[in-house]
Amino acid sequence: MSFDLRALKIYIDGSCRKNPGGAGGFAARIEYPFEWNLPDELIEYAGYFETNNNRMELRACVFAHEWVWEQGENLRVQHVQIVTDSKYVSDNYNRAIGWSTNSWRNVHGRPLENVDLWKELLRVRRKLGFHVRVEVKFIAGKSTPITKVVDRDAKAAAALPTEVDRGFRSGKIGRAKNNPGKAAKLFPAAGQEITIRVYQTLPIRRGEQKIKFELYSVQAKDFIEKFVAYADATLGNELHRQHAYVVRMNDVPEYPRILGIVGEVKESDLLEVSVP
């Protein structure tokens, strides 16, 4: 990232001890402009009982903007760089403006998550207006002394939760049996029928759910990859955790949707299931 030595920098980080649904926290530290000759300062850390990692990263960014709004005039700063190791926050910081004009869906129509926090962030950004120039910059996590410290601050906050993250929706949370540390990715939908084992369902908005599942591989004779797709709420309610189904997909890889359940299958019978 490009550093402005005269800018006030706010380093932020979020943490979740058991993502999603576990205790989490965020922290923010100030690095003052070099000519001020002041030491770095912890300005906030807070822990929440139930949350997820993205919400903590985003909440940290919201806090940093609110702090600038409340303190920036007194400090007489004209440029603030908010530094995060979250690609979720840095990549979507400017996209959120477009989302807000598209019913909080992305360009492919996929519903967005954490809308409550994105709305808060845009509200504060509008208040800041042209009074202070604020940038959000990405930096690799724990790559500098201050990012290591703020990472420890966020984890310490998560270890001592005191707050309730009222915007967090837990859904029906389960754990994948295979590759537990690997994140689920969007399923490359192409109108195919696939065999899945559901491990999490999450309400995204009224009438729509996010489904996380493991995909069955005939070659491996096991469920080996984790994916995400969407479904209307009626269909989503029929997909029970740790059950296996043959389902029919749409043909939009940027917005994969489960269109129907062909049938439920027993895992013991999967060697006889034909998956296209």
Protein backbone atom coordinates (compact mmCIF):
# COMPACT_ATOMS: atom_id res chain seq x y z
CA MET A 1 0.00 0.00 0.00
CA SER A 2 1.06 3.62 -0.43
CA PHE A 3 1.64 5.34 2.91
CA ASP A 4 1.15 9.04 3.45
CA LEU A 5 3.57 9.97 6.21
CA ARG A 6 1.41 12.96 7.11
CA ALA A 7 -1.81 10.97 7.31
CA LEU A 8 -3.29 9.69 10.53
CA LYS A 9 -3.55 5.92 10.26
CA ILE A 10 -6.03 3.67 12.02
CA TYR A 11 -5.06 0.01 11.98
CA ILE A 12 -8.05 -2.28 12.45
CA ASP A 13 -8.54 -6.02 12.82
CA GLY A 14 -11.32 -8.46 13.57
CA SER A 15 -11.33 -11.95 15.04
CA CYS A 16 -13.71 -14.84 15.63
CA ARG A 17 -12.66 -17.74 17.81
CA LYS A 18 -14.96 -20.30 16.19
CA ASN A 19 -16.09 -18.89 12.87
CA PRO A 20 -19.02 -18.57 12.37
CA GLY A 21 -21.07 -18.36 15.54
CA GLY A 22 -18.35 -18.15 18.15
CA ALA A 23 -17.18 -15.25 20.26
CA GLY A 24 -15.44 -12.52 18.30
CA GLY A 25 -13.90 -9.12 18.68
CA PHE A 26 -12.30 -6.18 16.95
CA ALA A 27 -9.61 -3.66 17.76
CA ALA A 28 -8.33 -0.34 16.42
CA ARG A 29 -4.98 1.39 16.95
CA ILE A 30 -3.85 4.87 15.95
CA GLU A 31 -0.55 5.61 14.29
CA TYR A 32 -0.11 9.39 14.39
CA PRO A 33 1.56 11.40 11.62
CA PHE A 34 5.33 11.10 11.87
CA GLU A 35 5.96 14.76 12.76
CA TRP A 36 3.66 14.57 15.78
CA ASN A 37 6.15 12.33 17.58
CA LEU A 38 3.45 10.48 19.49
CA PRO A 39 3.37 6.74 20.29
CA ASP A 40 0.80 4.37 18.78
CA GLU A 41 -2.38 4.22 20.80
CA LEU A 42 -5.11 1.61 21.30
CA ILE A 43 -8.41 3.46 20.83
CA GLU A 44 -10.89 0.60 21.02
CA TYR A 45 -11.36 -3.09 21.44
CA ALA A 46 -14.64 -4.90 22.02
CA GLY A 47 -15.76 -8.51 22.24
CA TYR A 48 -19.05 -10.07 21.12
CA PHE A 49 -20.66 -13.31 22.27
CA GLU A 50 -21.78 -14.61 18.86
CA THR A 51 -20.61 -13.31 15.51
CA ASN A 52 -18.42 -14.12 12.54
CA ASN A 53 -15.08 -12.93 11.24
CA ASN A 54 -16.36 -10.73 8.41
CA ARG A 55 -18.71 -8.89 10.73
CA MET A 56 -15.89 -8.13 13.15
CA GLU A 57 -13.64 -6.86 10.34
CA LEU A 58 -16.47 -4.68 9.05
CA ARG A 59 -17.49 -3.46 12.49
CA ALA A 60 -13.91 -2.35 13.08
CA CYS A 61 -14.08 -0.29 9.89
CA VAL A 62 -17.38 1.28 10.97
CA PHE A 63 -15.84 2.19 14.34
CA ALA A 64 -12.80 3.78 12.68
CA HIS A 65 -15.06 6.02 10.57
CA GLU A 66 -17.14 6.98 13.61
CA TRP A 67 -13.97 7.83 15.53
CA VAL A 68 -12.79 10.08 12.70
CA TRP A 69 -16.18 11.82 12.67
CA GLU A 70 -16.06 12.42 16.42
CA GLN A 71 -12.35 13.26 16.84
CA GLY A 72 -11.06 14.36 13.45
CA GLU A 73 -11.98 18.02 13.78
CA ASN A 74 -10.31 18.30 17.19
CA LEU A 75 -7.17 16.66 15.83
CA ARG A 76 -7.25 18.86 12.74
CA VAL A 77 -6.38 16.04 10.39
CA GLN A 78 -7.25 16.21 6.70
CA HIS A 79 -6.22 12.73 5.61
CA VAL A 80 -6.94 9.41 7.34
CA GLN A 81 -5.86 5.98 6.12
CA ILE A 82 -7.76 3.06 7.63
CA VAL A 83 -5.57 -0.01 7.29
CA THR A 84 -7.08 -3.50 7.26
CA ASP A 85 -5.93 -7.02 6.46
CA SER A 86 -9.47 -7.95 5.38
CA LYS A 87 -9.97 -8.32 1.63
CA TYR A 88 -13.71 -8.52 2.38
CA VAL A 89 -13.60 -4.94 3.68
CA SER A 90 -11.03 -3.44 1.33
CA ASP A 91 -12.40 -4.99 -1.87
CA ASN A 92 -16.00 -4.08 -1.13
CA TYR A 93 -15.53 -0.65 0.45
CA ASN A 94 -16.43 1.22 -2.74
CA ARG A 95 -18.71 -1.46 -4.16
CA ALA A 96 -21.13 -0.91 -1.27
CA ILE A 97 -22.27 2.37 -2.82
CA GLY A 98 -23.51 0.47 -5.87
CA TRP A 99 -25.07 -2.24 -3.71
CA SER A 100 -27.14 0.37 -1.89
CA THR A 101 -28.77 1.41 -5.17
CA ASN A 102 -29.43 -2.19 -6.23
CA SER A 103 -31.52 -3.45 -3.28
CA TRP A 104 -28.33 -4.71 -1.66
CA ARG A 105 -27.55 -7.20 -4.36
CA ASN A 106 -24.35 -7.38 -6.36
CA VAL A 107 -24.14 -6.95 -10.13
CA HIS A 108 -25.09 -10.62 -10.62
CA GLY A 109 -28.18 -10.31 -8.39
CA ARG A 110 -26.66 -12.27 -5.51
CA PRO A 111 -27.93 -11.02 -2.12
CA LEU A 112 -25.34 -9.38 0.12
CA GLU A 113 -24.65 -10.21 3.74
CA ASN A 114 -24.04 -7.92 6.72
CA VAL A 115 -26.24 -5.25 5.16
CA ASP A 116 -26.85 -3.63 8.55
CA LEU A 117 -23.13 -2.86 8.95
CA TRP A 118 -22.65 -1.75 5.35
CA LYS A 119 -25.54 0.69 5.85
CA GLU A 120 -23.89 2.02 9.01
CA LEU A 121 -20.62 2.47 7.17
CA LEU A 122 -22.22 4.39 4.31
CA ARG A 123 -24.11 6.57 6.77
CA VAL A 124 -20.89 7.66 8.47
CA ARG A 125 -19.10 8.11 5.16
CA ARG A 126 -21.83 10.50 4.05
CA LYS A 127 -21.48 12.48 7.28
CA LEU A 128 -17.74 12.82 6.81
CA GLY A 129 -18.32 14.17 3.32
CA PHE A 130 -15.48 16.41 2.24
CA HIS A 131 -14.38 17.37 5.75
CA VAL A 132 -11.78 14.62 5.98
CA ARG A 133 -10.32 12.49 3.18
CA VAL A 134 -10.64 8.86 4.28
CA GLU A 135 -9.11 5.89 2.47
CA VAL A 136 -9.30 2.20 3.26
CA LYS A 137 -6.06 0.39 2.47
CA PHE A 138 -5.22 -3.32 2.48
CA ILE A 139 -2.09 -4.69 4.11
CA ALA A 140 -1.12 -8.32 4.66
CA GLY A 141 -1.96 -9.43 8.17
CA LYS A 142 0.77 -9.43 10.81
CA SER A 143 3.32 -8.08 8.31
CA THR A 144 4.39 -5.14 10.49
CA PRO A 145 4.83 -4.62 14.25
CA ILE A 146 1.60 -2.61 14.58
CA THR A 147 -0.50 -5.12 12.60
CA LYS A 148 0.80 -7.88 14.87
CA VAL A 149 -0.22 -5.88 17.93
CA VAL A 150 -3.71 -5.03 16.67
CA ASP A 151 -4.20 -8.69 15.75
CA ARG A 152 -3.43 -9.61 19.37
CA ASP A 153 -5.79 -6.87 20.57
CA ALA A 154 -8.66 -8.26 18.47
CA LYS A 155 -8.05 -11.80 19.72
CA ALA A 156 -7.92 -10.57 23.32
CA ALA A 157 -11.28 -8.83 22.80
CA ALA A 158 -12.78 -12.05 21.41
CA ALA A 159 -11.58 -13.93 24.49
CA LEU A 160 -13.56 -11.60 26.79
CA PRO A 161 -16.90 -10.87 25.07
CA THR A 162 -19.25 -8.36 26.66
CA GLU A 163 -21.42 -7.22 23.74
CA VAL A 164 -24.24 -8.72 21.67
CA ASP A 165 -23.89 -8.54 17.88
CA ARG A 166 -27.58 -8.02 17.18
CA GLY A 167 -27.16 -8.16 13.42
CA PHE A 168 -25.62 -11.63 13.43
CA ARG A 169 -27.86 -14.39 12.13
CA SER A 170 -26.71 -17.77 13.32
CA GLY A 171 -28.95 -19.91 11.11
CA LYS A 172 -28.63 -23.68 11.47
CA ILE A 173 -24.91 -24.01 11.98
CA GLY A 174 -23.07 -27.25 11.48
CA ARG A 175 -19.53 -28.22 10.63
CA ALA A 176 -18.22 -29.82 7.50
CA LYS A 177 -16.90 -33.32 8.13
CA ASN A 178 -14.01 -32.92 5.68
CA ASN A 179 -11.55 -30.04 5.21
CA PRO A 180 -12.86 -28.19 8.30
CA GLY A 181 -10.34 -25.35 7.99
CA LYS A 182 -11.04 -24.65 4.32
CA ALA A 183 -13.52 -21.94 3.36
CA ALA A 184 -16.51 -22.76 1.17
CA LYS A 185 -16.57 -21.12 -2.27
CA LEU A 186 -19.33 -20.33 -4.74
CA PHE A 187 -20.46 -23.44 -6.61
CA PRO A 188 -19.82 -23.19 -10.38
CA ALA A 189 -23.44 -23.77 -11.34
CA ALA A 190 -24.05 -24.96 -14.92
CA GLY A 191 -27.52 -26.53 -14.78
CA GLN A 192 -26.17 -29.82 -13.47
CA GLU A 193 -27.49 -32.32 -10.92
CA ILE A 194 -25.12 -32.88 -8.01
CA THR A 195 -25.00 -34.85 -4.80
CA ILE A 196 -24.44 -32.79 -1.69
CA ARG A 197 -24.28 -33.11 2.08
CA VAL A 198 -25.62 -29.97 3.77
CA TYR A 199 -23.80 -28.64 6.80
CA GLN A 200 -25.17 -25.11 7.23
CA THR A 201 -28.21 -23.05 6.25
CA LEU A 202 -28.40 -19.32 6.87
CA PRO A 203 -31.27 -16.89 6.27
CA ILE A 204 -29.97 -14.05 4.10
CA ARG A 205 -33.16 -12.04 3.69
CA ARG A 206 -36.86 -12.70 3.69
CA GLY A 207 -37.56 -15.73 1.51
CA GLU A 208 -33.95 -16.65 0.74
CA GLN A 209 -31.31 -18.82 2.36
CA LYS A 210 -27.61 -19.44 1.91
CA ILE A 211 -26.71 -23.14 1.82
CA LYS A 212 -23.26 -24.50 2.57
CA PHE A 213 -22.59 -28.06 1.51
CA GLU A 214 -19.95 -30.66 0.73
CA LEU A 215 -19.92 -32.01 -2.81
CA TYR A 216 -19.76 -35.74 -3.44
CA SER A 217 -16.99 -37.00 -5.71
CA VAL A 218 -17.47 -40.31 -7.49
CA GLN A 219 -13.73 -40.61 -8.00
CA ALA A 220 -12.87 -40.07 -4.33
CA LYS A 221 -16.03 -41.86 -3.12
CA ASP A 222 -16.45 -39.15 -0.50
CA PHE A 223 -17.59 -35.58 0.07
CA ILE A 224 -14.39 -33.62 -0.49
CA GLU A 225 -15.07 -29.98 -1.46
CA LYS A 226 -17.08 -27.25 0.26
CA PHE A 227 -19.35 -24.91 -1.67
CA VAL A 228 -21.99 -22.21 -1.23
CA ALA A 229 -25.26 -21.82 -3.11
CA TYR A 230 -28.62 -20.16 -2.51
CA ALA A 231 -32.21 -21.35 -2.36
CA ASP A 232 -35.64 -19.95 -1.63
CA ALA A 233 -36.66 -20.40 1.98
CA THR A 234 -39.25 -23.10 1.30
CA LEU A 235 -36.67 -25.28 -0.44
CA GLY A 236 -33.96 -24.41 2.07
CA ASN A 237 -36.13 -25.60 4.94
CA GLU A 238 -36.27 -29.04 3.31
CA LEU A 239 -32.47 -29.35 3.25
CA HIS A 240 -31.49 -30.74 6.64
CA ARG A 241 -27.99 -30.61 8.02
CA GLN A 242 -25.82 -33.70 7.63
CA HIS A 243 -28.31 -35.19 5.16
CA ALA A 244 -27.35 -36.02 1.58
CA TYR A 245 -29.41 -35.02 -1.45
CA VAL A 246 -29.31 -35.01 -5.22
CA VAL A 247 -30.23 -31.44 -6.21
CA ARG A 248 -30.70 -29.56 -9.45
CA MET A 249 -28.75 -26.32 -9.97
CA ASN A 250 -29.33 -23.22 -12.07
CA ASP A 251 -26.80 -22.17 -14.71
CA VAL A 252 -25.47 -18.90 -13.23
CA PRO A 253 -22.04 -19.49 -11.64
CA GLU A 254 -21.95 -15.96 -10.17
CA TYR A 255 -25.25 -16.61 -8.38
CA PRO A 256 -25.62 -20.39 -7.91
CA ARG A 257 -29.08 -21.45 -6.81
CA ILE A 258 -30.55 -24.81 -5.88
CA LEU A 259 -33.73 -25.06 -7.93
CA GLY A 260 -35.06 -28.39 -6.71
CA ILE A 261 -34.43 -31.57 -4.77
CA VAL A 262 -34.32 -34.65 -6.99
CA GLY A 263 -34.22 -36.92 -3.96
CA GLU A 264 -32.61 -37.67 -0.62
CA VAL A 265 -29.99 -40.42 -0.58
CA LYS A 266 -28.30 -42.51 2.07
CA GLU A 267 -24.57 -42.10 2.31
CA SER A 268 -24.20 -45.87 2.38
CA ASP A 269 -25.82 -46.00 -1.05
CA LEU A 270 -23.72 -43.28 -2.67
CA LEU A 271 -21.49 -45.69 -4.55
CA GLU A 272 -24.53 -46.41 -6.71
CA VAL A 273 -25.51 -42.78 -7.24
CA SER A 274 -24.64 -41.47 -10.67
CA VAL A 275 -23.50 -37.86 -10.64
CA PRO A 276 -23.20 -36.18 -14.03
